[in-house]
Structure formats: structure tokens, C-alpha cells
Amino acid sequence: MENELIKKIYTDIDRFIGTQSNCCKKGCAYCCHQQIEVMNVEKEVINEFITSELSDQTKEIIKENLNVWLDYFDSNTPDNKTLDGNDVFKDFGSKAAKDGLKCPFLIDNLCSIYEMRPMTCRVHIVESEPEFCNKNKLRDSTPNSFHTRLKIVNFLRSKSELRIEPLPYTVKHLFLPDRQLKPIEKNGNRIDHYK
């Protein structure tokens, strides 16, 4: 899929979300303390942004954060098996949110890849009481936000097979090329919870 299409979708999402009632503000990063999903069609634009736009100092902080995230993931997912969707997105996702595992790109409560953050981050907004997000990291976004994501996923699905993976898996090769990752089933990371 073309990077320009993904960038256009990001721009369209931002424009739409900007018209919606929400209380999300710069520095409010409660929702960044959970597992972030990335679609395969987004990987290239995110990796390109990291490579071309981030400073070496920022990359070094992300590398440290990524090691922390992967250590936590390895300690909190089953060993000696290929992980399935429940292991990665349901069980681990719930534990990560409960424990407040932060996104490796969160630095000083700001997203270091904000301009090219994944769709899941762009679409997630809440209308009021952000302190509830601190109590429930898996708090649902607004209905309009959810329906926007559903429409975009269905559009992208008509163009390409969609898969998801944790954000750290998407960028690991840039920061920790020699680190081994636990395997995830190929069909265990399909986007099928947006039907």
C-alpha cells in the first residue's frame, strides 16, 4: 500500500477528530500506558519517520524504553510456544494496561512520533473526565471515534490483507536488530475484531 495513502488517511483522521468534542490534550498520556496496535500498512511510514526525523538522543531513549517493554512482554507472555491473538492482544494487553506499561515512544509524557503516530492513537479520544483514563487504561473511546476507525479498517481491508502487531514489534529492527522476539502466529494477528 502506498505511503501517501496512509499519510492522507492520517490527515483525514486528524481533521475529523479535530471537529469532535474531546478532552484530550498535549501532556495527557494516560492512554499511552497500554499496548499500542499497529496495522501492517502503517509500518513503513512509521519506520520512515523514525529513521529520518528523530534525533540520535531521542532514538537512544526509545531504545532503552523498548528494551523495558520487551523484557516486560517476555516475562508476561507464555514461553515455549508461538503466541496467538489471545496471548498477545487480550491477555497481555489487559495486563499491560492494568500495570500501566508505557509505550516506548512516550518520552516526558509526550509522543516522540506524534506526527506519524499509528491510527489507533489518532482515533482514540474521550469526551470528558480524563482522570478516568488513569483508572482504566482500556477506557473506550467515543462512539464516533470507534465508528471512524471501523470505516477506515473496512476501507483498508478492501485494499489489502490487514494484520496487527504490537508497536514494539513493528520497530524493533531499527533499535534492537539482534534481539530475539517471541513468535506470534501469522493468523493470530489478523484484524478480525473490527467486523
N, C-alpha and C. Protein backbone atom coordinates (compact mmCIF):
# COMPACT_ATOMS: atom_id res chain seq x y z
N MET A 1 0.84 -1.18 0.00
CA MET A 1 0.00 0.00 0.00
C MET A 1 0.89 1.24 0.00
N GLU A 2 0.45 2.25 -0.69
CA GLU A 2 1.25 3.46 -0.81
C GLU A 2 1.31 4.25 0.49
N ASN A 3 2.51 4.73 0.80
CA ASN A 3 2.68 5.56 1.99
C ASN A 3 1.84 6.82 1.92
N GLU A 4 1.69 7.38 0.72
CA GLU A 4 0.92 8.62 0.58
C GLU A 4 -0.54 8.41 0.97
N LEU A 5 -1.09 7.23 0.67
CA LEU A 5 -2.46 6.94 1.06
C LEU A 5 -2.58 6.89 2.58
N ILE A 6 -1.66 6.25 3.24
CA ILE A 6 -1.69 6.18 4.71
C ILE A 6 -1.55 7.58 5.30
N LYS A 7 -0.66 8.39 4.77
CA LYS A 7 -0.49 9.76 5.27
C LYS A 7 -1.76 10.58 5.05
N LYS A 8 -2.43 10.37 3.92
CA LYS A 8 -3.70 11.07 3.66
C LYS A 8 -4.76 10.62 4.67
N ILE A 9 -4.82 9.34 4.93
CA ILE A 9 -5.77 8.82 5.92
C ILE A 9 -5.48 9.44 7.28
N TYR A 10 -4.21 9.52 7.66
CA TYR A 10 -3.84 10.16 8.93
C TYR A 10 -4.33 11.61 8.96
N THR A 11 -4.12 12.34 7.88
CA THR A 11 -4.56 13.74 7.81
C THR A 11 -6.08 13.83 7.93
N ASP A 12 -6.79 12.95 7.24
CA ASP A 12 -8.25 12.94 7.29
C ASP A 12 -8.75 12.61 8.70
N ILE A 13 -8.10 11.66 9.35
CA ILE A 13 -8.47 11.32 10.73
C ILE A 13 -8.27 12.53 11.63
N ASP A 14 -7.11 13.16 11.53
CA ASP A 14 -6.82 14.32 12.39
C ASP A 14 -7.83 15.44 12.17
N ARG A 15 -8.19 15.66 10.92
CA ARG A 15 -9.17 16.70 10.60
C ARG A 15 -10.53 16.36 11.24
N PHE A 16 -10.96 15.11 11.09
CA PHE A 16 -12.23 14.70 11.67
C PHE A 16 -12.21 14.77 13.20
N ILE A 17 -11.17 14.21 13.80
CA ILE A 17 -11.09 14.19 15.27
C ILE A 17 -11.07 15.61 15.81
N GLY A 18 -10.47 16.53 15.05
CA GLY A 18 -10.43 17.94 15.46
C GLY A 18 -11.81 18.58 15.54
N THR A 19 -12.80 17.99 14.90
CA THR A 19 -14.17 18.52 14.95
C THR A 19 -14.99 17.90 16.07
N GLN A 20 -14.43 16.90 16.74
CA GLN A 20 -15.18 16.16 17.76
C GLN A 20 -14.92 16.72 19.15
N SER A 21 -15.93 16.62 19.98
CA SER A 21 -15.78 17.02 21.37
C SER A 21 -14.86 16.03 22.07
N ASN A 22 -13.79 16.55 22.66
CA ASN A 22 -12.90 15.67 23.42
C ASN A 22 -12.11 16.49 24.43
N CYS A 23 -11.61 15.78 25.42
CA CYS A 23 -10.84 16.46 26.48
C CYS A 23 -9.36 16.13 26.39
N CYS A 24 -8.95 15.44 25.35
CA CYS A 24 -7.55 15.03 25.20
C CYS A 24 -6.68 16.25 24.91
N LYS A 25 -5.56 16.33 25.63
CA LYS A 25 -4.66 17.48 25.48
C LYS A 25 -3.21 17.02 25.52
N LYS A 26 -2.34 17.85 24.97
CA LYS A 26 -0.91 17.59 25.00
C LYS A 26 -0.47 17.39 26.45
N GLY A 27 0.29 16.32 26.68
CA GLY A 27 0.76 16.02 28.03
C GLY A 27 -0.14 15.07 28.80
N CYS A 28 -1.36 14.87 28.32
CA CYS A 28 -2.26 13.88 28.93
C CYS A 28 -1.97 12.56 28.23
N ALA A 29 -1.29 11.66 28.89
CA ALA A 29 -0.79 10.46 28.23
C ALA A 29 -1.29 9.17 28.88
N TYR A 30 -2.43 9.23 29.55
CA TYR A 30 -2.93 8.03 30.20
C TYR A 30 -3.11 6.88 29.21
N CYS A 31 -3.64 7.19 28.03
CA CYS A 31 -3.90 6.14 27.04
C CYS A 31 -2.61 5.59 26.43
N CYS A 32 -1.49 6.23 26.68
CA CYS A 32 -0.19 5.75 26.18
C CYS A 32 0.42 4.70 27.10
N HIS A 33 -0.31 4.34 28.14
CA HIS A 33 0.15 3.33 29.09
C HIS A 33 -0.64 2.04 28.90
N GLN A 34 -0.63 1.57 27.69
CA GLN A 34 -1.26 0.31 27.32
C GLN A 34 -0.59 -0.17 26.05
N GLN A 35 -0.95 -1.34 25.60
CA GLN A 35 -0.37 -1.87 24.37
C GLN A 35 -0.94 -1.11 23.17
N ILE A 36 -0.06 -0.70 22.28
CA ILE A 36 -0.47 0.02 21.07
C ILE A 36 -0.38 -0.94 19.89
N GLU A 37 -1.49 -1.05 19.15
CA GLU A 37 -1.55 -1.92 17.98
C GLU A 37 -1.20 -1.11 16.73
N VAL A 38 -0.50 -1.76 15.81
CA VAL A 38 -0.15 -1.14 14.53
C VAL A 38 -0.56 -2.09 13.41
N MET A 39 -1.16 -1.52 12.37
CA MET A 39 -1.50 -2.33 11.20
C MET A 39 -0.29 -2.43 10.29
N ASN A 40 -0.19 -3.53 9.60
CA ASN A 40 0.94 -3.75 8.69
C ASN A 40 1.08 -2.64 7.65
N VAL A 41 -0.03 -2.04 7.22
CA VAL A 41 0.03 -0.99 6.20
C VAL A 41 0.60 0.33 6.74
N GLU A 42 0.76 0.42 8.05
CA GLU A 42 1.31 1.63 8.67
C GLU A 42 2.81 1.53 8.95
N LYS A 43 3.33 0.35 8.94
CA LYS A 43 4.71 0.12 9.38
C LYS A 43 5.73 0.99 8.64
N GLU A 44 5.60 1.04 7.34
CA GLU A 44 6.61 1.73 6.55
C GLU A 44 6.66 3.22 6.85
N VAL A 45 5.49 3.87 6.98
CA VAL A 45 5.51 5.31 7.24
C VAL A 45 6.05 5.62 8.64
N ILE A 46 5.75 4.76 9.59
CA ILE A 46 6.26 4.95 10.95
C ILE A 46 7.78 4.77 10.96
N ASN A 47 8.25 3.69 10.35
CA ASN A 47 9.69 3.43 10.31
C ASN A 47 10.44 4.53 9.56
N GLU A 48 9.87 5.00 8.47
CA GLU A 48 10.49 6.08 7.69
C GLU A 48 10.62 7.35 8.53
N PHE A 49 9.57 7.67 9.28
CA PHE A 49 9.59 8.86 10.13
C PHE A 49 10.68 8.74 11.20
N ILE A 50 10.75 7.59 11.84
CA ILE A 50 11.76 7.38 12.88
C ILE A 50 13.15 7.56 12.31
N THR A 51 13.40 6.95 11.18
CA THR A 51 14.72 6.99 10.55
C THR A 51 15.12 8.40 10.14
N SER A 52 14.18 9.14 9.57
CA SER A 52 14.55 10.43 9.00
C SER A 52 14.33 11.64 9.92
N GLU A 53 13.46 11.51 10.91
CA GLU A 53 13.08 12.70 11.68
C GLU A 53 13.55 12.73 13.14
N LEU A 54 13.86 11.60 13.72
CA LEU A 54 14.20 11.61 15.15
C LEU A 54 15.70 11.80 15.37
N SER A 55 16.02 12.53 16.42
CA SER A 55 17.43 12.75 16.77
C SER A 55 18.03 11.47 17.34
N ASP A 56 19.35 11.40 17.32
CA ASP A 56 20.04 10.24 17.89
C ASP A 56 19.74 10.12 19.39
N GLN A 57 19.64 11.27 20.07
CA GLN A 57 19.34 11.26 21.51
C GLN A 57 17.96 10.66 21.76
N THR A 58 16.97 11.06 20.97
CA THR A 58 15.61 10.52 21.12
C THR A 58 15.61 9.04 20.81
N LYS A 59 16.30 8.64 19.78
CA LYS A 59 16.38 7.21 19.42
C LYS A 59 16.99 6.39 20.54
N GLU A 60 17.96 6.95 21.23
CA GLU A 60 18.60 6.23 22.33
C GLU A 60 17.62 6.02 23.49
N ILE A 61 16.81 7.03 23.79
CA ILE A 61 15.80 6.90 24.85
C ILE A 61 14.77 5.85 24.44
N ILE A 62 14.34 5.89 23.19
CA ILE A 62 13.37 4.91 22.70
C ILE A 62 13.95 3.50 22.79
N LYS A 63 15.20 3.35 22.46
CA LYS A 63 15.85 2.04 22.54
C LYS A 63 15.80 1.50 23.97
N GLU A 64 16.11 2.34 24.94
CA GLU A 64 16.03 1.93 26.35
C GLU A 64 14.60 1.56 26.73
N ASN A 65 13.64 2.40 26.33
CA ASN A 65 12.23 2.12 26.61
C ASN A 65 11.77 0.82 25.95
N LEU A 66 12.26 0.60 24.75
CA LEU A 66 11.89 -0.61 24.01
C LEU A 66 12.41 -1.86 24.70
N ASN A 67 13.61 -1.80 25.22
CA ASN A 67 14.14 -2.93 25.98
C ASN A 67 13.29 -3.22 27.21
N VAL A 68 12.87 -2.17 27.90
CA VAL A 68 11.99 -2.35 29.08
C VAL A 68 10.69 -3.00 28.65
N TRP A 69 10.10 -2.50 27.58
CA TRP A 69 8.82 -3.04 27.09
C TRP A 69 8.96 -4.51 26.71
N LEU A 70 10.00 -4.84 25.96
CA LEU A 70 10.19 -6.22 25.50
C LEU A 70 10.51 -7.16 26.66
N ASP A 71 11.25 -6.69 27.65
CA ASP A 71 11.50 -7.51 28.85
C ASP A 71 10.18 -7.83 29.55
N TYR A 72 9.34 -6.81 29.69
CA TYR A 72 8.04 -7.00 30.32
C TYR A 72 7.19 -7.97 29.50
N PHE A 73 7.17 -7.79 28.18
CA PHE A 73 6.41 -8.67 27.30
C PHE A 73 6.89 -10.11 27.44
N ASP A 74 8.20 -10.30 27.41
CA ASP A 74 8.74 -11.66 27.52
C ASP A 74 8.39 -12.30 28.86
N SER A 75 8.36 -11.50 29.92
CA SER A 75 8.05 -12.02 31.26
C SER A 75 6.56 -12.28 31.46
N ASN A 76 5.71 -11.69 30.62
CA ASN A 76 4.27 -11.76 30.85
C ASN A 76 3.49 -12.40 29.69
N THR A 77 4.19 -13.17 28.89
CA THR A 77 3.55 -13.98 27.85
C THR A 77 4.10 -15.39 27.95
N PRO A 78 3.34 -16.38 27.48
CA PRO A 78 3.78 -17.77 27.60
C PRO A 78 5.11 -18.02 26.89
N ASP A 79 5.87 -18.95 27.46
CA ASP A 79 7.13 -19.39 26.86
C ASP A 79 6.89 -20.68 26.08
N ASN A 80 7.84 -21.01 25.24
CA ASN A 80 7.86 -22.28 24.52
C ASN A 80 6.65 -22.53 23.66
N LYS A 81 6.12 -21.48 23.07
CA LYS A 81 5.02 -21.64 22.11
C LYS A 81 4.95 -20.42 21.23
N THR A 82 4.33 -20.59 20.09
CA THR A 82 4.05 -19.45 19.24
C THR A 82 2.82 -18.76 19.81
N LEU A 83 2.91 -17.49 20.08
CA LEU A 83 1.82 -16.75 20.73
C LEU A 83 0.66 -16.56 19.76
N ASP A 84 -0.55 -16.70 20.28
CA ASP A 84 -1.73 -16.44 19.46
C ASP A 84 -2.32 -15.08 19.81
N GLY A 85 -3.40 -14.72 19.13
CA GLY A 85 -4.02 -13.42 19.33
C GLY A 85 -4.46 -13.18 20.76
N ASN A 86 -4.97 -14.21 21.42
CA ASN A 86 -5.38 -14.05 22.82
C ASN A 86 -4.19 -13.77 23.72
N ASP A 87 -3.09 -14.48 23.49
CA ASP A 87 -1.88 -14.26 24.30
C ASP A 87 -1.39 -12.82 24.18
N VAL A 88 -1.40 -12.30 22.94
CA VAL A 88 -0.79 -11.01 22.66
C VAL A 88 -1.73 -9.84 22.89
N PHE A 89 -2.95 -9.94 22.37
CA PHE A 89 -3.83 -8.78 22.37
C PHE A 89 -4.87 -8.78 23.48
N LYS A 90 -5.24 -9.94 23.96
CA LYS A 90 -6.23 -9.96 25.03
C LYS A 90 -5.54 -10.07 26.39
N ASP A 91 -4.86 -11.19 26.63
CA ASP A 91 -4.26 -11.42 27.94
C ASP A 91 -3.15 -10.41 28.25
N PHE A 92 -2.18 -10.32 27.37
CA PHE A 92 -1.08 -9.39 27.62
C PHE A 92 -1.57 -7.94 27.58
N GLY A 93 -2.44 -7.62 26.63
CA GLY A 93 -2.97 -6.26 26.53
C GLY A 93 -3.65 -5.82 27.81
N SER A 94 -4.42 -6.71 28.40
CA SER A 94 -5.11 -6.39 29.67
C SER A 94 -4.10 -6.20 30.80
N LYS A 95 -3.13 -7.09 30.88
CA LYS A 95 -2.12 -6.98 31.95
C LYS A 95 -1.29 -5.70 31.79
N ALA A 96 -0.88 -5.42 30.54
CA ALA A 96 -0.08 -4.21 30.29
C ALA A 96 -0.84 -2.96 30.71
N ALA A 97 -2.14 -2.90 30.39
CA ALA A 97 -2.94 -1.74 30.77
C ALA A 97 -3.09 -1.66 32.29
N LYS A 98 -3.35 -2.79 32.92
CA LYS A 98 -3.51 -2.82 34.38
C LYS A 98 -2.24 -2.33 35.07
N ASP A 99 -1.09 -2.76 34.56
CA ASP A 99 0.19 -2.38 35.16
C ASP A 99 0.71 -1.04 34.66
N GLY A 100 0.03 -0.45 33.67
CA GLY A 100 0.42 0.87 33.16
C GLY A 100 1.71 0.84 32.36
N LEU A 101 1.93 -0.23 31.59
CA LEU A 101 3.12 -0.31 30.75
C LEU A 101 3.07 0.77 29.70
N LYS A 102 4.07 1.64 29.69
CA LYS A 102 4.02 2.77 28.76
C LYS A 102 4.56 2.40 27.39
N CYS A 103 4.05 3.09 26.41
CA CYS A 103 4.54 2.97 25.04
C CYS A 103 6.00 3.39 25.01
N PRO A 104 6.87 2.65 24.31
CA PRO A 104 8.28 3.03 24.25
C PRO A 104 8.53 4.41 23.63
N PHE A 105 7.55 4.94 22.91
CA PHE A 105 7.73 6.24 22.28
C PHE A 105 7.29 7.40 23.17
N LEU A 106 6.80 7.09 24.35
CA LEU A 106 6.39 8.14 25.28
C LEU A 106 7.61 8.63 26.05
N ILE A 107 7.96 9.89 25.84
CA ILE A 107 9.13 10.50 26.49
C ILE A 107 8.67 11.80 27.14
N ASP A 108 8.84 11.91 28.46
CA ASP A 108 8.40 13.09 29.21
C ASP A 108 6.92 13.39 28.94
N ASN A 109 6.12 12.35 28.94
CA ASN A 109 4.67 12.44 28.74
C ASN A 109 4.25 12.99 27.38
N LEU A 110 5.16 12.92 26.40
CA LEU A 110 4.84 13.34 25.03
C LEU A 110 5.21 12.22 24.07
N CYS A 111 4.44 12.09 23.02
CA CYS A 111 4.72 11.09 22.00
C CYS A 111 5.85 11.58 21.09
N SER A 112 6.91 10.81 21.02
CA SER A 112 8.06 11.21 20.21
C SER A 112 7.84 10.99 18.71
N ILE A 113 6.79 10.26 18.35
CA ILE A 113 6.46 10.08 16.92
C ILE A 113 5.06 10.63 16.63
N TYR A 114 4.68 11.66 17.37
CA TYR A 114 3.31 12.18 17.29
C TYR A 114 2.87 12.46 15.85
N GLU A 115 3.72 13.05 15.04
CA GLU A 115 3.35 13.39 13.67
C GLU A 115 3.02 12.15 12.84
N MET A 116 3.60 11.00 13.21
CA MET A 116 3.36 9.78 12.47
C MET A 116 2.90 8.65 13.40
N ARG A 117 2.17 9.03 14.45
CA ARG A 117 1.65 8.03 15.38
C ARG A 117 0.65 7.13 14.66
N PRO A 118 0.48 5.90 15.14
CA PRO A 118 -0.43 4.96 14.48
C PRO A 118 -1.89 5.41 14.53
N MET A 119 -2.67 4.82 13.66
CA MET A 119 -4.09 5.16 13.58
C MET A 119 -4.80 4.93 14.91
N THR A 120 -4.48 3.85 15.58
CA THR A 120 -5.15 3.55 16.84
C THR A 120 -4.99 4.69 17.85
N CYS A 121 -3.86 5.36 17.81
CA CYS A 121 -3.62 6.51 18.70
C CYS A 121 -4.38 7.74 18.22
N ARG A 122 -4.39 7.96 16.92
CA ARG A 122 -5.05 9.13 16.34
C ARG A 122 -6.55 9.14 16.62
N VAL A 123 -7.15 7.98 16.56
CA VAL A 123 -8.61 7.86 16.64
C VAL A 123 -9.10 7.85 18.08
N HIS A 124 -8.25 7.50 19.02
CA HIS A 124 -8.70 7.32 20.40
C HIS A 124 -8.85 8.67 21.11
N ILE A 125 -10.10 9.05 21.37
CA ILE A 125 -10.38 10.25 22.15
C ILE A 125 -11.51 9.96 23.13
N VAL A 126 -11.54 10.71 24.20
CA VAL A 126 -12.65 10.64 25.16
C VAL A 126 -13.20 12.06 25.33
N GLU A 127 -14.48 12.14 25.69
CA GLU A 127 -15.14 13.44 25.75
C GLU A 127 -14.95 14.19 27.06
N SER A 128 -14.78 13.46 28.15
CA SER A 128 -14.72 14.14 29.45
C SER A 128 -13.99 13.29 30.48
N GLU A 129 -13.68 13.92 31.58
CA GLU A 129 -13.11 13.29 32.76
C GLU A 129 -11.88 12.42 32.46
N PRO A 130 -10.80 13.05 32.01
CA PRO A 130 -9.60 12.27 31.66
C PRO A 130 -9.01 11.49 32.83
N GLU A 131 -9.31 11.92 34.05
CA GLU A 131 -8.79 11.17 35.20
C GLU A 131 -9.32 9.74 35.22
N PHE A 132 -10.48 9.49 34.59
CA PHE A 132 -10.99 8.13 34.49
C PHE A 132 -10.08 7.27 33.61
N CYS A 133 -9.37 7.90 32.68
CA CYS A 133 -8.43 7.16 31.82
C CYS A 133 -7.28 6.62 32.65
N ASN A 134 -6.91 7.34 33.71
CA ASN A 134 -5.85 6.87 34.59
C ASN A 134 -6.31 5.63 35.35
N LYS A 135 -7.57 5.58 35.70
CA LYS A 135 -8.11 4.43 36.43
C LYS A 135 -8.38 3.25 35.52
N ASN A 136 -8.70 3.52 34.26
CA ASN A 136 -9.00 2.47 33.29
C ASN A 136 -8.28 2.76 31.98
N LYS A 137 -7.07 2.21 31.83
CA LYS A 137 -6.27 2.47 30.64
C LYS A 137 -6.95 1.95 29.37
N LEU A 138 -7.88 1.01 29.51
CA LEU A 138 -8.60 0.46 28.36
C LEU A 138 -9.97 1.11 28.17
N ARG A 139 -10.09 2.33 28.68
CA ARG A 139 -11.35 3.06 28.55
C ARG A 139 -11.74 3.20 27.08
N ASP A 140 -12.99 2.96 26.78
CA ASP A 140 -13.47 3.08 25.41
C ASP A 140 -13.39 4.51 24.92
N SER A 141 -13.08 4.65 23.65
CA SER A 141 -13.11 5.98 23.04
C SER A 141 -14.56 6.32 22.69
N THR A 142 -14.77 7.51 22.16
CA THR A 142 -16.12 7.94 21.83
C THR A 142 -16.71 7.06 20.73
N PRO A 143 -18.04 6.94 20.67
CA PRO A 143 -18.65 6.15 19.59
C PRO A 143 -18.27 6.64 18.19
N ASN A 144 -18.23 7.97 17.99
CA ASN A 144 -17.82 8.49 16.68
C ASN A 144 -16.39 8.07 16.34
N SER A 145 -15.53 8.07 17.32
CA SER A 145 -14.15 7.66 17.13
C SER A 145 -14.09 6.19 16.72
N PHE A 146 -14.82 5.36 17.45
CA PHE A 146 -14.84 3.93 17.14
C PHE A 146 -15.37 3.68 15.73
N HIS A 147 -16.44 4.34 15.36
CA HIS A 147 -17.03 4.14 14.03
C HIS A 147 -16.10 4.64 12.93
N THR A 148 -15.36 5.70 13.20
CA THR A 148 -14.37 6.19 12.24
C THR A 148 -13.30 5.13 12.02
N ARG A 149 -12.81 4.56 13.10
CA ARG A 149 -11.80 3.51 12.96
C ARG A 149 -12.36 2.33 12.19
N LEU A 150 -13.56 1.93 12.48
CA LEU A 150 -14.18 0.80 11.79
C LEU A 150 -14.28 1.06 10.29
N LYS A 151 -14.70 2.27 9.91
CA LYS A 151 -14.81 2.62 8.49
C LYS A 151 -13.44 2.57 7.80
N ILE A 152 -12.44 3.08 8.46
CA ILE A 152 -11.10 3.08 7.86
C ILE A 152 -10.56 1.66 7.74
N VAL A 153 -10.74 0.86 8.78
CA VAL A 153 -10.29 -0.53 8.71
C VAL A 153 -10.98 -1.26 7.57
N ASN A 154 -12.29 -1.06 7.42
CA ASN A 154 -13.01 -1.72 6.33
C ASN A 154 -12.52 -1.24 4.96
N PHE A 155 -12.23 0.05 4.84
CA PHE A 155 -11.68 0.58 3.59
C PHE A 155 -10.32 -0.06 3.30
N LEU A 156 -9.43 -0.07 4.29
CA LEU A 156 -8.11 -0.64 4.10
C LEU A 156 -8.17 -2.14 3.82
N ARG A 157 -9.11 -2.81 4.47
CA ARG A 157 -9.29 -4.24 4.25
C ARG A 157 -9.68 -4.52 2.80
N SER A 158 -10.38 -3.60 2.16
CA SER A 158 -10.77 -3.79 0.76
C SER A 158 -9.56 -3.63 -0.18
N LYS A 159 -8.49 -3.04 0.31
CA LYS A 159 -7.29 -2.80 -0.49
C LYS A 159 -6.18 -3.82 -0.25
N SER A 160 -6.16 -4.39 0.96
CA SER A 160 -5.03 -5.23 1.35
C SER A 160 -5.42 -6.13 2.52
N GLU A 161 -4.69 -7.22 2.70
CA GLU A 161 -4.90 -8.04 3.90
C GLU A 161 -4.31 -7.27 5.08
N LEU A 162 -5.09 -7.14 6.13
CA LEU A 162 -4.63 -6.38 7.29
C LEU A 162 -4.21 -7.31 8.41
N ARG A 163 -3.12 -6.95 9.03
CA ARG A 163 -2.63 -7.66 10.19
C ARG A 163 -2.24 -6.59 11.22
N ILE A 164 -2.26 -6.99 12.47
CA ILE A 164 -1.82 -6.08 13.53
C ILE A 164 -0.69 -6.74 14.31
N GLU A 165 0.11 -5.91 14.91
CA GLU A 165 1.12 -6.39 15.83
C GLU A 165 1.39 -5.29 16.84
N PRO A 166 1.99 -5.65 17.95
CA PRO A 166 2.33 -4.60 18.92
C PRO A 166 3.33 -3.62 18.30
N LEU A 167 3.17 -2.36 18.60
CA LEU A 167 4.06 -1.33 18.07
C LEU A 167 5.54 -1.68 18.24
N PRO A 168 5.99 -2.17 19.40
CA PRO A 168 7.41 -2.50 19.53
C PRO A 168 7.90 -3.55 18.52
N TYR A 169 7.05 -4.48 18.12
CA TYR A 169 7.45 -5.46 17.10
C TYR A 169 7.66 -4.78 15.75
N THR A 170 6.91 -3.73 15.50
CA THR A 170 6.99 -3.01 14.23
C THR A 170 8.32 -2.28 14.06
N VAL A 171 8.92 -1.85 15.16
CA VAL A 171 10.12 -1.01 15.08
C VAL A 171 11.37 -1.65 15.66
N LYS A 172 11.26 -2.83 16.19
CA LYS A 172 12.38 -3.49 16.87
C LYS A 172 13.62 -3.52 16.01
N HIS A 173 13.48 -3.81 14.72
CA HIS A 173 14.64 -3.95 13.83
C HIS A 173 15.45 -2.65 13.72
N LEU A 174 14.82 -1.50 13.96
CA LEU A 174 15.53 -0.22 13.90
C LEU A 174 16.40 0.02 15.13
N PHE A 175 15.98 -0.52 16.26
CA PHE A 175 16.64 -0.21 17.52
C PHE A 175 17.42 -1.38 18.11
N LEU A 176 16.89 -2.58 17.95
CA LEU A 176 17.49 -3.76 18.57
C LEU A 176 17.52 -4.91 17.55
N PRO A 177 18.30 -4.76 16.49
CA PRO A 177 18.24 -5.74 15.41
C PRO A 177 18.62 -7.16 15.82
N ASP A 178 19.42 -7.31 16.88
CA ASP A 178 19.86 -8.65 17.29
C ASP A 178 18.96 -9.28 18.35
N ARG A 179 18.03 -8.53 18.86
CA ARG A 179 17.18 -9.08 19.92
C ARG A 179 16.15 -10.04 19.32
N GLN A 180 16.02 -11.19 19.94
CA GLN A 180 15.04 -12.18 19.51
C GLN A 180 13.66 -11.81 20.06
N LEU A 181 12.66 -11.99 19.22
CA LEU A 181 11.28 -11.75 19.63
C LEU A 181 10.55 -13.08 19.74
N LYS A 182 9.61 -13.13 20.65
CA LYS A 182 8.76 -14.31 20.71
C LYS A 182 7.91 -14.36 19.44
N PRO A 183 7.76 -15.54 18.87
CA PRO A 183 6.97 -15.62 17.63
C PRO A 183 5.48 -15.45 17.90
N ILE A 184 4.81 -14.81 16.96
CA ILE A 184 3.36 -14.63 17.02
C ILE A 184 2.76 -15.35 15.81
N GLU A 185 1.70 -16.13 16.05
CA GLU A 185 1.03 -16.84 14.95
C GLU A 185 0.66 -15.87 13.85
N LYS A 186 0.86 -16.30 12.63
CA LYS A 186 0.53 -15.44 11.49
C LYS A 186 -0.95 -15.06 11.50
N ASN A 187 -1.82 -16.03 11.75
CA ASN A 187 -3.25 -15.70 11.78
C ASN A 187 -3.70 -15.22 13.15
N GLY A 188 -2.77 -15.16 14.10
CA GLY A 188 -3.10 -14.67 15.43
C GLY A 188 -3.07 -13.16 15.52
N ASN A 189 -2.62 -12.52 14.44
CA ASN A 189 -2.59 -11.06 14.48
C ASN A 189 -3.41 -10.45 13.34
N ARG A 190 -4.41 -11.20 12.89
CA ARG A 190 -5.34 -10.64 11.90
C ARG A 190 -6.22 -9.61 12.57
N ILE A 191 -6.67 -8.66 11.76
CA ILE A 191 -7.67 -7.73 12.27
C ILE A 191 -9.02 -8.39 12.04
N ASP A 192 -9.56 -9.01 13.06
CA ASP A 192 -10.87 -9.59 12.91
C ASP A 192 -11.80 -9.16 14.04
N HIS A 193 -11.31 -8.28 14.93
CA HIS A 193 -12.21 -7.78 15.97
C HIS A 193 -12.85 -6.47 15.56
N TYR A 194 -12.77 -6.11 14.27
CA TYR A 194 -13.44 -4.91 13.75
C TYR A 194 -14.42 -5.29 12.66
N LYS A 195 -15.08 -6.43 12.80
CA LYS A 195 -16.05 -6.84 11.77
C LYS A 195 -17.40 -6.22 12.05
